[in-house]
Amino acid sequence: MTLTPLLTDDAPAPFILHPATCDAPFIFVCDHAGKRIPERLGDLGLSAADRTRHIAWDIGIAGVARRLHAALGAPLIEQVYSRLVIDCNRAPGHDSSIPSHSDQTIISGNQNLSDDERRQREREIFRPYHNCIAQQLATIDPQKCAMISLHSFTPFWQGQERAWDAGVLFHKDAVSAEIMHQVLVESGRWVVGKNEPYRMTATSDYTIPYHAETRGMPYLEIEIRQDLIADEAGQENWAAILTQLLPIYWRRWTACAPMHRAYA
């Protein structure tokens, strides 16, 4: 089956690469930064309001990520298209890779897709984003750089308020997450979860397990509550916080790195 290309010649690329401006020990990735939908897919059957909700993207996190890139000089790769088109933090074929519903909302444009249509979204959006990450990592010593995956989470889920201001997620590298969790808690200003509000697994996440854990490199997956970064003031605040705290995390990780290099 031959499909019309999903992205037209004048459509935005699937990712934006903000190159490094100095020799920083981080690489930032932002899987859910954007909320665009390719014109050929219309509105996926969603209202304008639904297309700006948390189901479509990680609200506020792109503003935090760009400010971190500007402050620390590390490269940043951000995804441009909505996770409702294809979720770049899920393995292709996973149930939530191209969701048929999200938070009790039906995604009618994702119903009854053919295998060719699914593969097209993977080929045109998912793969270019992850190829860019891989290309950046190919130039990096995995023991001299940490991957920092930036996300945000909705304050309410299924009618329940979430108590955390931020969370640090991990799979194999509990040490790295423990260090960052402690750095955040030491400030005494936030409620910080470990593997909360989500738990990272090899199937529920893709970017960190695929890129960082296979290389044995340190990483953090940081979640920030969306109401704290919904506006520019909040984004500036959290970017300033992480600009201060990430170097502290890195110094502590470097000090104990020889004891857990082989976690992968």
C-alpha atoms as a PDB file:
ATOM      1  CA  MET A   1       0.000   0.000   0.000  1.00  0.00           C
ATOM      2  CA  THR A   2       1.439   3.361  -1.072  1.00  0.00           C
ATOM      3  CA  LEU A   3       0.607   6.254   1.247  1.00  0.00           C
ATOM      4  CA  THR A   4       0.818   9.965   0.613  1.00  0.00           C
ATOM      5  CA  PRO A   5       3.714  11.341   2.696  1.00  0.00           C
ATOM      6  CA  LEU A   6       2.584  12.379   6.135  1.00  0.00           C
ATOM      7  CA  LEU A   7       4.821  15.452   6.241  1.00  0.00           C
ATOM      8  CA  THR A   8       4.672  17.811   3.297  1.00  0.00           C
ATOM      9  CA  ASP A   9       7.780  19.586   2.003  1.00  0.00           C
ATOM     10  CA  ASP A  10       6.904  22.737   3.942  1.00  0.00           C
ATOM     11  CA  ALA A  11       5.993  20.931   7.195  1.00  0.00           C
ATOM     12  CA  PRO A  12       8.225  21.372  10.245  1.00  0.00           C
ATOM     13  CA  ALA A  13      10.844  18.670  10.755  1.00  0.00           C
ATOM     14  CA  PRO A  14      10.027  16.068  13.433  1.00  0.00           C
ATOM     15  CA  PHE A  15      12.625  17.470  15.813  1.00  0.00           C
ATOM     16  CA  ILE A  16      14.527  20.619  16.661  1.00  0.00           C
ATOM     17  CA  LEU A  17      18.203  20.279  17.490  1.00  0.00           C
ATOM     18  CA  HIS A  18      19.676  23.029  19.634  1.00  0.00           C
ATOM     19  CA  PRO A  19      23.421  22.342  19.298  1.00  0.00           C
ATOM     20  CA  ALA A  20      25.853  22.500  22.190  1.00  0.00           C
ATOM     21  CA  THR A  21      27.359  25.897  22.836  1.00  0.00           C
ATOM     22  CA  CYS A  22      29.989  24.656  25.290  1.00  0.00           C
ATOM     23  CA  ASP A  23      31.475  21.439  26.639  1.00  0.00           C
ATOM     24  CA  ALA A  24      28.710  20.639  29.152  1.00  0.00           C
ATOM     25  CA  PRO A  25      28.373  17.143  30.704  1.00  0.00           C
ATOM     26  CA  PHE A  26      24.695  16.805  29.718  1.00  0.00           C
ATOM     27  CA  ILE A  27      22.484  16.081  26.753  1.00  0.00           C
ATOM     28  CA  PHE A  28      18.862  17.213  27.069  1.00  0.00           C
ATOM     29  CA  VAL A  29      16.004  15.402  25.347  1.00  0.00           C
ATOM     30  CA  CYS A  30      12.353  16.390  25.334  1.00  0.00           C
ATOM     31  CA  ASP A  31      10.104  13.625  23.950  1.00  0.00           C
ATOM     32  CA  HIS A  32       6.810  15.486  24.375  1.00  0.00           C
ATOM     33  CA  ALA A  33       7.818  19.094  23.753  1.00  0.00           C
ATOM     34  CA  GLY A  34       5.484  19.798  20.844  1.00  0.00           C
ATOM     35  CA  LYS A  35       1.795  19.504  20.066  1.00  0.00           C
ATOM     36  CA  ARG A  36       1.693  19.867  16.277  1.00  0.00           C
ATOM     37  CA  ILE A  37      -0.385  17.505  14.175  1.00  0.00           C
ATOM     38  CA  PRO A  38       0.531  16.951  10.509  1.00  0.00           C
ATOM     39  CA  GLU A  39      -1.957  18.709   8.241  1.00  0.00           C
ATOM     40  CA  ARG A  40      -2.808  15.451   6.499  1.00  0.00           C
ATOM     41  CA  LEU A  41      -4.172  14.082   9.787  1.00  0.00           C
ATOM     42  CA  GLY A  42      -6.431  17.077  10.370  1.00  0.00           C
ATOM     43  CA  ASP A  43      -7.266  17.453  14.054  1.00  0.00           C
ATOM     44  CA  LEU A  44      -7.335  13.699  14.834  1.00  0.00           C
ATOM     45  CA  GLY A  45     -11.007  14.237  15.630  1.00  0.00           C
ATOM     46  CA  LEU A  46     -10.203  16.383  18.663  1.00  0.00           C
ATOM     47  CA  SER A  47     -11.447  19.796  19.704  1.00  0.00           C
ATOM     48  CA  ALA A  48      -9.062  22.738  19.890  1.00  0.00           C
ATOM     49  CA  ALA A  49      -9.245  22.532  23.678  1.00  0.00           C
ATOM     50  CA  ASP A  50      -8.295  18.839  23.710  1.00  0.00           C
ATOM     51  CA  ARG A  51      -5.367  19.511  21.381  1.00  0.00           C
ATOM     52  CA  THR A  52      -3.835  21.824  23.987  1.00  0.00           C
ATOM     53  CA  ARG A  53      -4.490  19.582  27.016  1.00  0.00           C
ATOM     54  CA  HIS A  54      -1.878  17.440  28.735  1.00  0.00           C
ATOM     55  CA  ILE A  55      -2.961  14.462  26.631  1.00  0.00           C
ATOM     56  CA  ALA A  56      -1.341  16.084  23.577  1.00  0.00           C
ATOM     57  CA  TRP A  57       2.008  17.239  25.007  1.00  0.00           C
ATOM     58  CA  ASP A  58       3.987  17.947  28.161  1.00  0.00           C
ATOM     59  CA  ILE A  59       2.758  21.435  28.984  1.00  0.00           C
ATOM     60  CA  GLY A  60       5.515  23.914  29.806  1.00  0.00           C
ATOM     61  CA  ILE A  61       8.484  21.606  29.462  1.00  0.00           C
ATOM     62  CA  ALA A  62       9.796  23.032  26.175  1.00  0.00           C
ATOM     63  CA  GLY A  63      10.185  26.429  27.833  1.00  0.00           C
ATOM     64  CA  VAL A  64      12.145  24.877  30.684  1.00  0.00           C
ATOM     65  CA  ALA A  65      14.299  22.832  28.304  1.00  0.00           C
ATOM     66  CA  ARG A  66      15.205  25.766  26.073  1.00  0.00           C
ATOM     67  CA  ARG A  67      16.189  27.881  29.053  1.00  0.00           C
ATOM     68  CA  LEU A  68      18.355  25.052  30.381  1.00  0.00           C
ATOM     69  CA  HIS A  69      20.047  24.757  27.011  1.00  0.00           C
ATOM     70  CA  ALA A  70      20.714  28.497  27.015  1.00  0.00           C
ATOM     71  CA  ALA A  71      22.046  28.484  30.578  1.00  0.00           C
ATOM     72  CA  LEU A  72      24.176  25.333  30.548  1.00  0.00           C
ATOM     73  CA  GLY A  73      25.090  25.091  26.862  1.00  0.00           C
ATOM     74  CA  ALA A  74      24.286  21.379  26.524  1.00  0.00           C
ATOM     75  CA  PRO A  75      22.656  20.113  23.326  1.00  0.00           C
ATOM     76  CA  LEU A  76      18.867  19.798  23.331  1.00  0.00           C
ATOM     77  CA  ILE A  77      16.768  17.622  21.031  1.00  0.00           C
ATOM     78  CA  GLU A  78      13.045  18.318  21.229  1.00  0.00           C
ATOM     79  CA  GLN A  79      10.165  16.539  19.521  1.00  0.00           C
ATOM     80  CA  VAL A  80       7.884  18.781  17.457  1.00  0.00           C
ATOM     81  CA  TYR A  81       4.776  16.637  16.949  1.00  0.00           C
ATOM     82  CA  SER A  82       2.121  15.618  19.451  1.00  0.00           C
ATOM     83  CA  ARG A  83       2.443  12.328  21.274  1.00  0.00           C
ATOM     84  CA  LEU A  84      -1.099  11.655  20.023  1.00  0.00           C
ATOM     85  CA  VAL A  85       0.359  11.284  16.522  1.00  0.00           C
ATOM     86  CA  ILE A  86       3.018   8.901  17.819  1.00  0.00           C
ATOM     87  CA  ASP A  87       4.574   8.830  21.271  1.00  0.00           C
ATOM     88  CA  CYS A  88       8.333   9.118  20.956  1.00  0.00           C
ATOM     89  CA  ASN A  89       8.802   7.676  24.448  1.00  0.00           C
ATOM     90  CA  ARG A  90       7.092   4.390  23.620  1.00  0.00           C
ATOM     91  CA  ALA A  91       8.441   1.519  21.583  1.00  0.00           C
ATOM     92  CA  PRO A  92       6.641   1.205  18.250  1.00  0.00           C
ATOM     93  CA  GLY A  93       3.931  -1.397  18.602  1.00  0.00           C
ATOM     94  CA  HIS A  94       3.338  -0.662  22.286  1.00  0.00           C
ATOM     95  CA  ASP A  95      -0.351  -0.189  23.140  1.00  0.00           C
ATOM     96  CA  SER A  96       0.199   3.513  23.883  1.00  0.00           C
ATOM     97  CA  SER A  97       2.543   4.216  20.969  1.00  0.00           C
ATOM     98  CA  ILE A  98      -0.361   5.591  18.917  1.00  0.00           C
ATOM     99  CA  PRO A  99      -3.108   5.914  21.531  1.00  0.00           C
ATOM    100  CA  SER A 100      -6.719   5.217  20.676  1.00  0.00           C
ATOM    101  CA  HIS A 101      -7.760   7.089  23.842  1.00  0.00           C
ATOM    102  CA  SER A 102      -6.091   9.129  26.570  1.00  0.00           C
ATOM    103  CA  ASP A 103      -7.432  10.222  29.952  1.00  0.00           C
ATOM    104  CA  GLN A 104     -10.981   9.202  29.003  1.00  0.00           C
ATOM    105  CA  THR A 105     -10.775  11.031  25.657  1.00  0.00           C
ATOM    106  CA  ILE A 106     -11.306   9.088  22.434  1.00  0.00           C
ATOM    107  CA  ILE A 107      -8.760   9.847  19.710  1.00  0.00           C
ATOM    108  CA  SER A 108     -10.956   9.122  16.711  1.00  0.00           C
ATOM    109  CA  GLY A 109      -8.183   9.835  14.194  1.00  0.00           C
ATOM    110  CA  ASN A 110      -6.198   6.939  15.665  1.00  0.00           C
ATOM    111  CA  GLN A 111      -8.924   4.337  15.346  1.00  0.00           C
ATOM    112  CA  ASN A 112      -8.543   1.360  13.005  1.00  0.00           C
ATOM    113  CA  LEU A 113      -5.169   2.354  11.584  1.00  0.00           C
ATOM    114  CA  SER A 114      -3.551  -0.027   9.149  1.00  0.00           C
ATOM    115  CA  ASP A 115      -0.078  -1.416   9.761  1.00  0.00           C
ATOM    116  CA  ASP A 116       1.180   0.766   6.907  1.00  0.00           C
ATOM    117  CA  GLU A 117      -0.244   3.903   8.534  1.00  0.00           C
ATOM    118  CA  ARG A 118       1.397   3.034  11.825  1.00  0.00           C
ATOM    119  CA  ARG A 119       4.729   2.334  10.175  1.00  0.00           C
ATOM    120  CA  GLN A 120       4.490   5.636   8.305  1.00  0.00           C
ATOM    121  CA  ARG A 121       4.197   7.617  11.544  1.00  0.00           C
ATOM    122  CA  GLU A 122       7.132   5.686  12.934  1.00  0.00           C
ATOM    123  CA  ARG A 123       9.215   6.251   9.800  1.00  0.00           C
ATOM    124  CA  GLU A 124       8.479   9.963   9.333  1.00  0.00           C
ATOM    125  CA  ILE A 125       8.329  11.179  12.946  1.00  0.00           C
ATOM    126  CA  PHE A 126       9.598   8.653  15.488  1.00  0.00           C
ATOM    127  CA  ARG A 127      12.757   7.471  13.712  1.00  0.00           C
ATOM    128  CA  PRO A 128      14.153  10.882  12.689  1.00  0.00           C
ATOM    129  CA  TYR A 129      13.870  12.107  16.286  1.00  0.00           C
ATOM    130  CA  HIS A 130      15.674   9.092  17.705  1.00  0.00           C
ATOM    131  CA  ASN A 131      18.250   9.096  14.908  1.00  0.00           C
ATOM    132  CA  CYS A 132      19.125  12.660  15.876  1.00  0.00           C
ATOM    133  CA  ILE A 133      19.608  11.613  19.510  1.00  0.00           C
ATOM    134  CA  ALA A 134      21.793   8.692  18.412  1.00  0.00           C
ATOM    135  CA  GLN A 135      23.906  10.953  16.226  1.00  0.00           C
ATOM    136  CA  GLN A 136      24.514  13.326  19.119  1.00  0.00           C
ATOM    137  CA  LEU A 137      25.418  10.459  21.432  1.00  0.00           C
ATOM    138  CA  ALA A 138      27.879   9.054  18.894  1.00  0.00           C
ATOM    139  CA  THR A 139      30.135  12.034  19.593  1.00  0.00           C
ATOM    140  CA  ILE A 140      29.958  11.690  23.397  1.00  0.00           C
ATOM    141  CA  ASP A 141      31.888   9.583  25.908  1.00  0.00           C
ATOM    142  CA  PRO A 142      28.996   7.849  27.760  1.00  0.00           C
ATOM    143  CA  GLN A 143      30.809   8.077  31.083  1.00  0.00           C
ATOM    144  CA  LYS A 144      31.438  11.806  30.777  1.00  0.00           C
ATOM    145  CA  CYS A 145      27.882  12.890  30.042  1.00  0.00           C
ATOM    146  CA  ALA A 146      24.413  12.327  31.517  1.00  0.00           C
ATOM    147  CA  MET A 147      21.226  12.159  29.474  1.00  0.00           C
ATOM    148  CA  ILE A 148      18.575  14.392  31.011  1.00  0.00           C
ATOM    149  CA  SER A 149      15.074  13.548  29.800  1.00  0.00           C
ATOM    150  CA  LEU A 150      12.622  16.334  30.622  1.00  0.00           C
ATOM    151  CA  HIS A 151       8.890  15.832  31.108  1.00  0.00           C
ATOM    152  CA  SER A 152       5.887  17.369  32.844  1.00  0.00           C
ATOM    153  CA  PHE A 153       2.826  15.776  34.427  1.00  0.00           C
ATOM    154  CA  THR A 154      -0.754  16.838  34.957  1.00  0.00           C
ATOM    155  CA  PRO A 155      -1.657  17.918  38.532  1.00  0.00           C
ATOM    156  CA  PHE A 156      -4.845  15.828  38.383  1.00  0.00           C
ATOM    157  CA  TRP A 157      -5.260  12.308  37.091  1.00  0.00           C
ATOM    158  CA  GLN A 158      -8.569  10.454  37.022  1.00  0.00           C
ATOM    159  CA  GLY A 159     -10.029  12.940  39.486  1.00  0.00           C
ATOM    160  CA  GLN A 160      -7.197  12.672  42.000  1.00  0.00           C
ATOM    161  CA  GLU A 161      -4.756  15.440  42.850  1.00  0.00           C
ATOM    162  CA  ARG A 162      -1.099  14.497  42.676  1.00  0.00           C
ATOM    163  CA  ALA A 163       0.911  15.516  45.710  1.00  0.00           C
ATOM    164  CA  TRP A 164       4.338  15.841  44.083  1.00  0.00           C
ATOM    165  CA  ASP A 165       5.933  19.008  42.744  1.00  0.00           C
ATOM    166  CA  ALA A 166       8.443  16.973  40.770  1.00  0.00           C
ATOM    167  CA  GLY A 167       9.611  13.414  40.329  1.00  0.00           C
ATOM    168  CA  VAL A 168      12.779  11.557  39.350  1.00  0.00           C
ATOM    169  CA  LEU A 169      12.236   8.379  37.366  1.00  0.00           C
ATOM    170  CA  PHE A 170      14.638   5.476  36.888  1.00  0.00           C
ATOM    171  CA  HIS A 171      14.871   1.897  35.693  1.00  0.00           C
ATOM    172  CA  LYS A 172      18.357   0.387  36.138  1.00  0.00           C
ATOM    173  CA  ASP A 173      20.245   3.465  37.301  1.00  0.00           C
ATOM    174  CA  ALA A 174      18.760   3.974  40.777  1.00  0.00           C
ATOM    175  CA  VAL A 175      21.972   5.603  42.018  1.00  0.00           C
ATOM    176  CA  SER A 176      21.798   8.522  39.632  1.00  0.00           C
ATOM    177  CA  ALA A 177      18.131   9.114  40.474  1.00  0.00           C
ATOM    178  CA  GLU A 178      18.831   8.836  44.199  1.00  0.00           C
ATOM    179  CA  ILE A 179      21.487  11.535  43.971  1.00  0.00           C
ATOM    180  CA  MET A 180      19.197  13.951  42.119  1.00  0.00           C
ATOM    181  CA  HIS A 181      16.301  13.190  44.430  1.00  0.00           C
ATOM    182  CA  GLN A 182      18.453  14.046  47.426  1.00  0.00           C
ATOM    183  CA  VAL A 183      19.716  17.235  45.783  1.00  0.00           C
ATOM    184  CA  LEU A 184      16.123  18.365  45.226  1.00  0.00           C
ATOM    185  CA  VAL A 185      14.956  17.362  48.715  1.00  0.00           C
ATOM    186  CA  GLU A 186      17.860  19.113  50.434  1.00  0.00           C
ATOM    187  CA  SER A 187      16.413  22.446  49.381  1.00  0.00           C
ATOM    188  CA  GLY A 188      13.373  21.724  51.567  1.00  0.00           C
ATOM    189  CA  ARG A 189      11.075  23.453  49.094  1.00  0.00           C
ATOM    190  CA  TRP A 190       9.432  20.666  47.112  1.00  0.00           C
ATOM    191  CA  VAL A 191       7.683  17.346  47.428  1.00  0.00           C
ATOM    192  CA  VAL A 192       9.722  15.072  45.173  1.00  0.00           C
ATOM    193  CA  GLY A 193       8.776  11.549  44.153  1.00  0.00           C
ATOM    194  CA  LYS A 194      11.019   8.633  43.217  1.00  0.00           C
ATOM    195  CA  ASN A 195       9.423   6.780  40.322  1.00  0.00           C
ATOM    196  CA  GLU A 196       6.386   8.965  40.995  1.00  0.00           C
ATOM    197  CA  PRO A 197       4.024   9.981  39.502  1.00  0.00           C
ATOM    198  CA  TYR A 198       5.162   7.353  36.991  1.00  0.00           C
ATOM    199  CA  ARG A 199       7.359   4.282  37.217  1.00  0.00           C
ATOM    200  CA  MET A 200       9.907   3.808  34.473  1.00  0.00           C
ATOM    201  CA  THR A 201      10.064   0.352  32.922  1.00  0.00           C
ATOM    202  CA  ALA A 202      11.649  -1.097  29.816  1.00  0.00           C
ATOM    203  CA  THR A 203       8.210  -1.197  28.156  1.00  0.00           C
ATOM    204  CA  SER A 204       6.552   1.988  29.442  1.00  0.00           C
ATOM    205  CA  ASP A 205       9.533   4.135  28.396  1.00  0.00           C
ATOM    206  CA  TYR A 206      11.750   4.081  25.335  1.00  0.00           C
ATOM    207  CA  THR A 207      14.199   6.983  25.162  1.00  0.00           C
ATOM    208  CA  ILE A 208      16.170   6.322  28.351  1.00  0.00           C
ATOM    209  CA  PRO A 209      16.229   2.492  28.138  1.00  0.00           C
ATOM    210  CA  TYR A 210      17.112   2.541  24.429  1.00  0.00           C
ATOM    211  CA  HIS A 211      19.698   5.322  24.341  1.00  0.00           C
ATOM    212  CA  ALA A 212      21.141   5.699  27.839  1.00  0.00           C
ATOM    213  CA  GLU A 213      20.881   2.277  29.447  1.00  0.00           C
ATOM    214  CA  THR A 214      22.209   0.416  26.417  1.00  0.00           C
ATOM    215  CA  ARG A 215      25.287   2.654  26.591  1.00  0.00           C
ATOM    216  CA  GLY A 216      25.697   2.347  30.355  1.00  0.00           C
ATOM    217  CA  MET A 217      25.588   6.124  30.660  1.00  0.00           C
ATOM    218  CA  PRO A 218      24.135   8.025  33.627  1.00  0.00           C
ATOM    219  CA  TYR A 219      20.741   9.580  33.164  1.00  0.00           C
ATOM    220  CA  LEU A 220      17.874  11.379  34.826  1.00  0.00           C
ATOM    221  CA  GLU A 221      14.241  11.467  33.824  1.00  0.00           C
ATOM    222  CA  ILE A 222      12.794  14.527  35.511  1.00  0.00           C
ATOM    223  CA  GLU A 223       9.067  15.215  35.774  1.00  0.00           C
ATOM    224  CA  ILE A 224       7.728  18.646  36.802  1.00  0.00           C
ATOM    225  CA  ARG A 225       4.079  19.316  37.673  1.00  0.00           C
ATOM    226  CA  GLN A 226       2.494  21.282  34.872  1.00  0.00           C
ATOM    227  CA  ASP A 227       0.831  24.005  36.911  1.00  0.00           C
ATOM    228  CA  LEU A 228       4.307  24.991  38.161  1.00  0.00           C
ATOM    229  CA  ILE A 229       5.593  25.619  34.630  1.00  0.00           C
ATOM    230  CA  ALA A 230       2.465  26.571  32.684  1.00  0.00           C
ATOM    231  CA  ASP A 231       3.606  30.178  32.231  1.00  0.00           C
ATOM    232  CA  GLU A 232       6.927  31.846  31.467  1.00  0.00           C
ATOM    233  CA  ALA A 233       7.558  32.812  35.083  1.00  0.00           C
ATOM    234  CA  GLY A 234       7.236  29.186  36.171  1.00  0.00           C
ATOM    235  CA  GLN A 235       9.439  27.979  33.332  1.00  0.00           C
ATOM    236  CA  GLU A 236      12.115  30.518  34.218  1.00  0.00           C
ATOM    237  CA  ASN A 237      11.901  29.501  37.874  1.00  0.00           C
ATOM    238  CA  TRP A 238      12.335  25.782  37.238  1.00  0.00           C
ATOM    239  CA  ALA A 239      15.021  26.335  34.633  1.00  0.00           C
ATOM    240  CA  ALA A 240      16.925  28.388  37.210  1.00  0.00           C
ATOM    241  CA  ILE A 241      16.441  25.652  39.815  1.00  0.00           C
ATOM    242  CA  LEU A 242      17.764  22.934  37.518  1.00  0.00           C
ATOM    243  CA  THR A 243      20.577  25.154  36.250  1.00  0.00           C
ATOM    244  CA  GLN A 244      21.775  25.354  39.848  1.00  0.00           C
ATOM    245  CA  LEU A 245      21.093  21.744  40.872  1.00  0.00           C
ATOM    246  CA  LEU A 246      22.158  19.689  37.850  1.00  0.00           C
ATOM    247  CA  PRO A 247      25.862  20.571  38.255  1.00  0.00           C
ATOM    248  CA  ILE A 248      25.605  19.541  41.929  1.00  0.00           C
ATOM    249  CA  TYR A 249      24.088  16.216  40.858  1.00  0.00           C
ATOM    250  CA  TRP A 250      26.889  15.738  38.328  1.00  0.00           C
ATOM    251  CA  ARG A 251      29.668  16.417  40.830  1.00  0.00           C
ATOM    252  CA  ARG A 252      28.185  13.881  43.235  1.00  0.00           C
ATOM    253  CA  TRP A 253      27.636  11.296  40.529  1.00  0.00           C
ATOM    254  CA  THR A 254      31.213  11.723  39.286  1.00  0.00           C
ATOM    255  CA  ALA A 255      32.509  11.209  42.820  1.00  0.00           C
ATOM    256  CA  CYS A 256      30.794   7.823  43.155  1.00  0.00           C
ATOM    257  CA  ALA A 257      30.746   6.749  39.493  1.00  0.00           C
ATOM    258  CA  PRO A 258      33.467   4.052  39.781  1.00  0.00           C
ATOM    259  CA  MET A 259      31.203   2.110  42.151  1.00  0.00           C
ATOM    260  CA  HIS A 260      28.310   1.729  39.706  1.00  0.00           C
ATOM    261  CA  ARG A 261      29.575   2.069  36.143  1.00  0.00           C
ATOM    262  CA  ALA A 262      28.396  -1.426  35.233  1.00  0.00           C
ATOM    263  CA  TYR A 263      24.698  -0.949  36.056  1.00  0.00           C
ATOM    264  CA  ALA A 264      23.698  -1.760  32.476  1.00  0.00           C
END
